[in-house]
Amino acid sequence: MKLYKTLSNCIAIVWIINGLFCKILNLVPRHQEIISEILGTEYSSVLTITIGLMEVILALWVISDYKPKLNAMLQIITVITMNIIEFFLVPDILLWGKFNIIIALAFVSLIHYTYFIHKQDYVTTT
């Protein structure tokens, strides 16, 4: 169970960093630039903060461990959808360009392992 909590906390930290620091506090302006390119500049600031808030809420949900499989499915769908959109529409703005998709797949794999493989192993062996 210790590994499960550690992995869950690491996943939550990723959402907090991206939501709070990169988007809400705008410490990484590239995030707002991506949103601006995809959705337009008029509301990009508000949308960036809103997306950041949703990411922080998602992190709190991860920490709460309430309905973790539902949470994991939402995270996986969100990350894959965001990254496919970015891959095709704004690859030049991404930190690692089109290679960002590899980082996203690694993160999705970690989420899948944590909530569908490791937690299942823990439940069946205890």
N, C-alpha and C. Protein backbone atom coordinates (compact mmCIF):
# COMPACT_ATOMS: atom_id res chain seq x y z
N MET A 1 0.83 -1.20 0.00
CA MET A 1 0.00 0.00 0.00
C MET A 1 0.87 1.26 0.00
N LYS A 2 2.08 1.13 0.53
CA LYS A 2 2.97 2.28 0.59
C LYS A 2 3.33 2.76 -0.83
N LEU A 3 3.62 1.81 -1.74
CA LEU A 3 3.95 2.18 -3.12
C LEU A 3 2.75 2.84 -3.79
N TYR A 4 1.56 2.31 -3.54
CA TYR A 4 0.34 2.89 -4.13
C TYR A 4 0.19 4.36 -3.71
N LYS A 5 0.34 4.64 -2.44
CA LYS A 5 0.22 6.02 -1.94
C LYS A 5 1.31 6.91 -2.52
N THR A 6 2.52 6.39 -2.60
CA THR A 6 3.63 7.16 -3.17
C THR A 6 3.34 7.52 -4.63
N LEU A 7 2.91 6.52 -5.41
CA LEU A 7 2.60 6.77 -6.82
C LEU A 7 1.43 7.75 -6.96
N SER A 8 0.41 7.57 -6.13
CA SER A 8 -0.74 8.49 -6.17
C SER A 8 -0.31 9.92 -5.86
N ASN A 9 0.54 10.07 -4.86
CA ASN A 9 1.03 11.41 -4.50
C ASN A 9 1.86 12.02 -5.63
N CYS A 10 2.67 11.20 -6.28
CA CYS A 10 3.46 11.70 -7.43
C CYS A 10 2.55 12.17 -8.56
N ILE A 11 1.50 11.42 -8.82
CA ILE A 11 0.53 11.81 -9.86
C ILE A 11 -0.14 13.12 -9.47
N ALA A 12 -0.54 13.24 -8.21
CA ALA A 12 -1.18 14.48 -7.74
C ALA A 12 -0.22 15.66 -7.87
N ILE A 13 1.04 15.45 -7.56
CA ILE A 13 2.03 16.53 -7.66
C ILE A 13 2.15 17.02 -9.10
N VAL A 14 2.10 16.11 -10.06
CA VAL A 14 2.15 16.52 -11.48
C VAL A 14 0.99 17.46 -11.80
N TRP A 15 -0.22 17.11 -11.33
CA TRP A 15 -1.39 17.95 -11.59
C TRP A 15 -1.28 19.29 -10.87
N ILE A 16 -0.77 19.28 -9.65
CA ILE A 16 -0.62 20.54 -8.90
C ILE A 16 0.42 21.45 -9.57
N ILE A 17 1.53 20.88 -9.98
CA ILE A 17 2.56 21.69 -10.66
C ILE A 17 1.99 22.30 -11.94
N ASN A 18 1.35 21.47 -12.76
CA ASN A 18 0.81 21.97 -14.02
C ASN A 18 -0.37 22.92 -13.81
N GLY A 19 -1.23 22.60 -12.87
CA GLY A 19 -2.41 23.44 -12.65
C GLY A 19 -2.10 24.73 -11.91
N LEU A 20 -1.49 24.61 -10.74
CA LEU A 20 -1.26 25.78 -9.90
C LEU A 20 -0.10 26.65 -10.42
N PHE A 21 1.05 26.04 -10.56
CA PHE A 21 2.24 26.83 -10.90
C PHE A 21 2.29 27.25 -12.37
N CYS A 22 2.04 26.29 -13.26
CA CYS A 22 2.16 26.60 -14.70
C CYS A 22 0.99 27.41 -15.23
N LYS A 23 -0.22 27.14 -14.74
CA LYS A 23 -1.40 27.80 -15.32
C LYS A 23 -1.96 28.92 -14.44
N ILE A 24 -2.33 28.63 -13.22
CA ILE A 24 -2.96 29.65 -12.36
C ILE A 24 -1.98 30.79 -12.06
N LEU A 25 -0.77 30.44 -11.64
CA LEU A 25 0.24 31.46 -11.32
C LEU A 25 1.00 31.92 -12.57
N ASN A 26 0.75 31.26 -13.68
CA ASN A 26 1.34 31.61 -14.99
C ASN A 26 2.87 31.69 -14.95
N LEU A 27 3.49 30.77 -14.20
CA LEU A 27 4.94 30.74 -14.12
C LEU A 27 5.56 30.15 -15.40
N VAL A 28 4.73 29.48 -16.19
CA VAL A 28 5.17 28.95 -17.48
C VAL A 28 4.19 29.48 -18.53
N PRO A 29 4.45 30.66 -19.07
CA PRO A 29 3.53 31.31 -20.02
C PRO A 29 3.21 30.48 -21.26
N ARG A 30 4.06 29.51 -21.57
CA ARG A 30 3.82 28.65 -22.72
C ARG A 30 2.45 27.96 -22.64
N HIS A 31 2.00 27.65 -21.43
CA HIS A 31 0.70 27.00 -21.27
C HIS A 31 -0.43 27.90 -21.77
N GLN A 32 -0.37 29.16 -21.41
CA GLN A 32 -1.39 30.10 -21.89
C GLN A 32 -1.25 30.31 -23.40
N GLU A 33 -0.05 30.30 -23.89
CA GLU A 33 0.18 30.46 -25.33
C GLU A 33 -0.43 29.28 -26.10
N ILE A 34 -0.30 28.08 -25.58
CA ILE A 34 -0.89 26.90 -26.21
C ILE A 34 -2.41 27.05 -26.26
N ILE A 35 -3.00 27.42 -25.13
CA ILE A 35 -4.45 27.60 -25.07
C ILE A 35 -4.89 28.71 -26.01
N SER A 36 -4.13 29.78 -26.07
CA SER A 36 -4.42 30.90 -26.96
C SER A 36 -4.41 30.47 -28.42
N GLU A 37 -3.43 29.68 -28.80
CA GLU A 37 -3.32 29.20 -30.18
C GLU A 37 -4.48 28.27 -30.55
N ILE A 38 -4.90 27.44 -29.62
CA ILE A 38 -5.95 26.46 -29.90
C ILE A 38 -7.34 27.08 -29.80
N LEU A 39 -7.59 27.86 -28.76
CA LEU A 39 -8.95 28.36 -28.49
C LEU A 39 -9.14 29.85 -28.77
N GLY A 40 -8.07 30.55 -29.11
CA GLY A 40 -8.17 31.98 -29.38
C GLY A 40 -7.66 32.81 -28.21
N THR A 41 -7.29 34.05 -28.52
CA THR A 41 -6.66 34.90 -27.50
C THR A 41 -7.64 35.61 -26.59
N GLU A 42 -8.88 35.78 -27.03
CA GLU A 42 -9.83 36.61 -26.28
C GLU A 42 -10.01 36.14 -24.83
N TYR A 43 -10.17 34.85 -24.65
CA TYR A 43 -10.43 34.33 -23.30
C TYR A 43 -9.31 33.41 -22.81
N SER A 44 -8.15 33.47 -23.44
CA SER A 44 -7.09 32.52 -23.10
C SER A 44 -6.64 32.62 -21.65
N SER A 45 -6.61 33.82 -21.09
CA SER A 45 -6.20 33.99 -19.70
C SER A 45 -7.18 33.32 -18.75
N VAL A 46 -8.46 33.59 -18.96
CA VAL A 46 -9.50 32.99 -18.11
C VAL A 46 -9.54 31.48 -18.29
N LEU A 47 -9.43 31.02 -19.53
CA LEU A 47 -9.44 29.58 -19.80
C LEU A 47 -8.23 28.89 -19.18
N THR A 48 -7.09 29.53 -19.23
CA THR A 48 -5.88 28.95 -18.64
C THR A 48 -6.05 28.78 -17.13
N ILE A 49 -6.57 29.79 -16.47
CA ILE A 49 -6.81 29.72 -15.03
C ILE A 49 -7.87 28.66 -14.72
N THR A 50 -8.92 28.60 -15.51
CA THR A 50 -9.99 27.61 -15.31
C THR A 50 -9.44 26.19 -15.46
N ILE A 51 -8.67 25.96 -16.50
CA ILE A 51 -8.07 24.64 -16.69
C ILE A 51 -7.13 24.33 -15.52
N GLY A 52 -6.37 25.31 -15.08
CA GLY A 52 -5.49 25.13 -13.93
C GLY A 52 -6.25 24.75 -12.67
N LEU A 53 -7.38 25.42 -12.43
CA LEU A 53 -8.23 25.08 -11.27
C LEU A 53 -8.74 23.65 -11.38
N MET A 54 -9.15 23.26 -12.58
CA MET A 54 -9.64 21.89 -12.76
C MET A 54 -8.53 20.87 -12.51
N GLU A 55 -7.30 21.21 -12.90
CA GLU A 55 -6.18 20.31 -12.64
C GLU A 55 -5.87 20.21 -11.14
N VAL A 56 -5.99 21.31 -10.42
CA VAL A 56 -5.78 21.27 -8.97
C VAL A 56 -6.88 20.44 -8.31
N ILE A 57 -8.11 20.61 -8.75
CA ILE A 57 -9.22 19.81 -8.22
C ILE A 57 -8.98 18.33 -8.50
N LEU A 58 -8.49 18.02 -9.69
CA LEU A 58 -8.17 16.64 -10.04
C LEU A 58 -7.09 16.10 -9.10
N ALA A 59 -6.10 16.92 -8.78
CA ALA A 59 -5.05 16.51 -7.83
C ALA A 59 -5.63 16.21 -6.45
N LEU A 60 -6.55 17.06 -6.00
CA LEU A 60 -7.19 16.82 -4.70
C LEU A 60 -8.01 15.54 -4.72
N TRP A 61 -8.65 15.27 -5.85
CA TRP A 61 -9.42 14.03 -6.01
C TRP A 61 -8.47 12.83 -5.94
N VAL A 62 -7.31 12.93 -6.58
CA VAL A 62 -6.32 11.85 -6.53
C VAL A 62 -5.92 11.61 -5.08
N ILE A 63 -5.62 12.67 -4.35
CA ILE A 63 -5.19 12.55 -2.95
C ILE A 63 -6.29 11.94 -2.08
N SER A 64 -7.55 12.27 -2.37
CA SER A 64 -8.67 11.76 -1.57
C SER A 64 -8.87 10.26 -1.74
N ASP A 65 -8.41 9.71 -2.86
CA ASP A 65 -8.58 8.29 -3.18
C ASP A 65 -10.05 7.88 -3.29
N TYR A 66 -10.91 8.82 -3.59
CA TYR A 66 -12.33 8.55 -3.79
C TYR A 66 -12.54 8.09 -5.23
N LYS A 67 -13.11 6.91 -5.39
CA LYS A 67 -13.37 6.33 -6.72
C LYS A 67 -12.13 6.44 -7.62
N PRO A 68 -11.04 5.81 -7.20
CA PRO A 68 -9.77 5.98 -7.91
C PRO A 68 -9.78 5.50 -9.36
N LYS A 69 -10.53 4.45 -9.66
CA LYS A 69 -10.55 3.98 -11.05
C LYS A 69 -11.27 4.96 -11.96
N LEU A 70 -12.35 5.55 -11.49
CA LEU A 70 -13.05 6.58 -12.26
C LEU A 70 -12.11 7.78 -12.47
N ASN A 71 -11.43 8.15 -11.41
CA ASN A 71 -10.47 9.25 -11.49
C ASN A 71 -9.38 8.93 -12.51
N ALA A 72 -8.86 7.72 -12.45
CA ALA A 72 -7.79 7.32 -13.38
C ALA A 72 -8.28 7.36 -14.83
N MET A 73 -9.49 6.88 -15.07
CA MET A 73 -10.03 6.93 -16.43
C MET A 73 -10.15 8.36 -16.93
N LEU A 74 -10.62 9.26 -16.05
CA LEU A 74 -10.74 10.67 -16.43
C LEU A 74 -9.35 11.26 -16.73
N GLN A 75 -8.38 10.94 -15.90
CA GLN A 75 -7.02 11.44 -16.14
C GLN A 75 -6.46 10.94 -17.47
N ILE A 76 -6.63 9.66 -17.73
CA ILE A 76 -6.10 9.07 -18.96
C ILE A 76 -6.76 9.70 -20.19
N ILE A 77 -8.07 9.82 -20.16
CA ILE A 77 -8.80 10.43 -21.29
C ILE A 77 -8.36 11.88 -21.47
N THR A 78 -8.24 12.60 -20.37
CA THR A 78 -7.83 14.02 -20.43
C THR A 78 -6.43 14.18 -21.01
N VAL A 79 -5.49 13.42 -20.51
CA VAL A 79 -4.10 13.55 -20.96
C VAL A 79 -3.97 13.16 -22.44
N ILE A 80 -4.60 12.07 -22.82
CA ILE A 80 -4.51 11.63 -24.22
C ILE A 80 -5.17 12.65 -25.14
N THR A 81 -6.35 13.12 -24.77
CA THR A 81 -7.06 14.10 -25.60
C THR A 81 -6.25 15.39 -25.74
N MET A 82 -5.79 15.93 -24.62
CA MET A 82 -4.99 17.17 -24.66
C MET A 82 -3.77 17.01 -25.54
N ASN A 83 -3.09 15.90 -25.40
CA ASN A 83 -1.84 15.72 -26.12
C ASN A 83 -2.04 15.44 -27.61
N ILE A 84 -3.10 14.78 -27.97
CA ILE A 84 -3.40 14.59 -29.40
C ILE A 84 -3.71 15.93 -30.04
N ILE A 85 -4.53 16.73 -29.37
CA ILE A 85 -4.86 18.07 -29.89
C ILE A 85 -3.59 18.90 -30.05
N GLU A 86 -2.75 18.92 -29.02
CA GLU A 86 -1.51 19.70 -29.07
C GLU A 86 -0.54 19.16 -30.12
N PHE A 87 -0.48 17.86 -30.26
CA PHE A 87 0.41 17.22 -31.23
C PHE A 87 0.14 17.73 -32.64
N PHE A 88 -1.14 17.86 -32.97
CA PHE A 88 -1.50 18.27 -34.33
C PHE A 88 -1.61 19.79 -34.51
N LEU A 89 -2.02 20.51 -33.46
CA LEU A 89 -2.29 21.94 -33.63
C LEU A 89 -1.14 22.86 -33.22
N VAL A 90 -0.38 22.49 -32.21
CA VAL A 90 0.67 23.40 -31.73
C VAL A 90 1.98 22.69 -31.35
N PRO A 91 2.46 21.78 -32.16
CA PRO A 91 3.68 21.05 -31.77
C PRO A 91 4.89 21.96 -31.58
N ASP A 92 4.92 23.07 -32.29
CA ASP A 92 6.06 23.99 -32.21
C ASP A 92 6.15 24.73 -30.87
N ILE A 93 5.04 24.78 -30.12
CA ILE A 93 5.03 25.48 -28.83
C ILE A 93 5.35 24.52 -27.67
N LEU A 94 5.17 23.24 -27.88
CA LEU A 94 5.38 22.25 -26.83
C LEU A 94 6.84 22.20 -26.41
N LEU A 95 7.08 21.89 -25.15
CA LEU A 95 8.43 21.87 -24.60
C LEU A 95 9.36 20.95 -25.40
N TRP A 96 8.88 19.75 -25.71
CA TRP A 96 9.67 18.81 -26.49
C TRP A 96 9.05 18.55 -27.86
N GLY A 97 8.29 19.48 -28.35
CA GLY A 97 7.65 19.33 -29.66
C GLY A 97 6.76 18.09 -29.70
N LYS A 98 6.81 17.39 -30.81
CA LYS A 98 5.96 16.20 -30.96
C LYS A 98 6.37 15.07 -30.02
N PHE A 99 7.58 15.15 -29.46
CA PHE A 99 8.02 14.14 -28.50
C PHE A 99 7.28 14.25 -27.16
N ASN A 100 6.55 15.33 -26.95
CA ASN A 100 5.73 15.48 -25.74
C ASN A 100 4.77 14.30 -25.59
N ILE A 101 4.33 13.76 -26.72
CA ILE A 101 3.38 12.64 -26.69
C ILE A 101 4.00 11.45 -25.96
N ILE A 102 5.31 11.29 -26.03
CA ILE A 102 5.98 10.17 -25.35
C ILE A 102 5.93 10.38 -23.84
N ILE A 103 6.14 11.60 -23.39
CA ILE A 103 6.04 11.92 -21.96
C ILE A 103 4.61 11.67 -21.49
N ALA A 104 3.65 12.10 -22.31
CA ALA A 104 2.23 11.90 -21.96
C ALA A 104 1.90 10.41 -21.85
N LEU A 105 2.40 9.62 -22.78
CA LEU A 105 2.14 8.17 -22.73
C LEU A 105 2.80 7.54 -21.50
N ALA A 106 3.96 8.02 -21.12
CA ALA A 106 4.61 7.52 -19.90
C ALA A 106 3.77 7.87 -18.67
N PHE A 107 3.25 9.09 -18.63
CA PHE A 107 2.41 9.51 -17.50
C PHE A 107 1.11 8.69 -17.46
N VAL A 108 0.50 8.49 -18.62
CA VAL A 108 -0.72 7.68 -18.70
C VAL A 108 -0.42 6.24 -18.27
N SER A 109 0.73 5.73 -18.65
CA SER A 109 1.11 4.37 -18.24
C SER A 109 1.28 4.28 -16.72
N LEU A 110 1.85 5.31 -16.12
CA LEU A 110 1.99 5.36 -14.66
C LEU A 110 0.62 5.37 -13.99
N ILE A 111 -0.29 6.17 -14.51
CA ILE A 111 -1.65 6.22 -13.96
C ILE A 111 -2.31 4.85 -14.09
N HIS A 112 -2.21 4.25 -15.26
CA HIS A 112 -2.81 2.93 -15.49
C HIS A 112 -2.22 1.90 -14.54
N TYR A 113 -0.92 1.86 -14.42
CA TYR A 113 -0.26 0.92 -13.53
C TYR A 113 -0.73 1.12 -12.09
N THR A 114 -0.74 2.36 -11.64
CA THR A 114 -1.07 2.67 -10.25
C THR A 114 -2.48 2.21 -9.88
N TYR A 115 -3.46 2.51 -10.73
CA TYR A 115 -4.85 2.30 -10.35
C TYR A 115 -5.47 1.01 -10.88
N PHE A 116 -4.89 0.43 -11.92
CA PHE A 116 -5.50 -0.77 -12.50
C PHE A 116 -4.65 -2.02 -12.33
N ILE A 117 -3.36 -1.88 -12.09
CA ILE A 117 -2.51 -3.05 -11.93
C ILE A 117 -2.02 -3.16 -10.49
N HIS A 118 -1.29 -2.15 -10.02
CA HIS A 118 -0.73 -2.22 -8.67
C HIS A 118 -1.82 -2.30 -7.60
N LYS A 119 -2.81 -1.44 -7.67
CA LYS A 119 -3.86 -1.45 -6.65
C LYS A 119 -4.61 -2.77 -6.69
N GLN A 120 -4.85 -3.30 -7.88
CA GLN A 120 -5.54 -4.59 -8.01
C GLN A 120 -4.70 -5.69 -7.37
N ASP A 121 -3.39 -5.69 -7.61
CA ASP A 121 -2.50 -6.67 -6.99
C ASP A 121 -2.55 -6.56 -5.47
N TYR A 122 -2.57 -5.34 -4.96
CA TYR A 122 -2.62 -5.12 -3.52
C TYR A 122 -3.91 -5.67 -2.94
N VAL A 123 -5.03 -5.40 -3.61
CA VAL A 123 -6.34 -5.84 -3.11
C VAL A 123 -6.42 -7.36 -3.09
N THR A 124 -5.91 -8.03 -4.12
CA THR A 124 -6.05 -9.48 -4.20
C THR A 124 -5.06 -10.23 -3.32
N THR A 125 -3.96 -9.60 -2.92
CA THR A 125 -2.97 -10.30 -2.11
C THR A 125 -3.10 -10.03 -0.62
N THR A 126 -3.97 -9.14 -0.21
CA THR A 126 -4.10 -8.87 1.23
C THR A 126 -5.35 -9.46 1.79
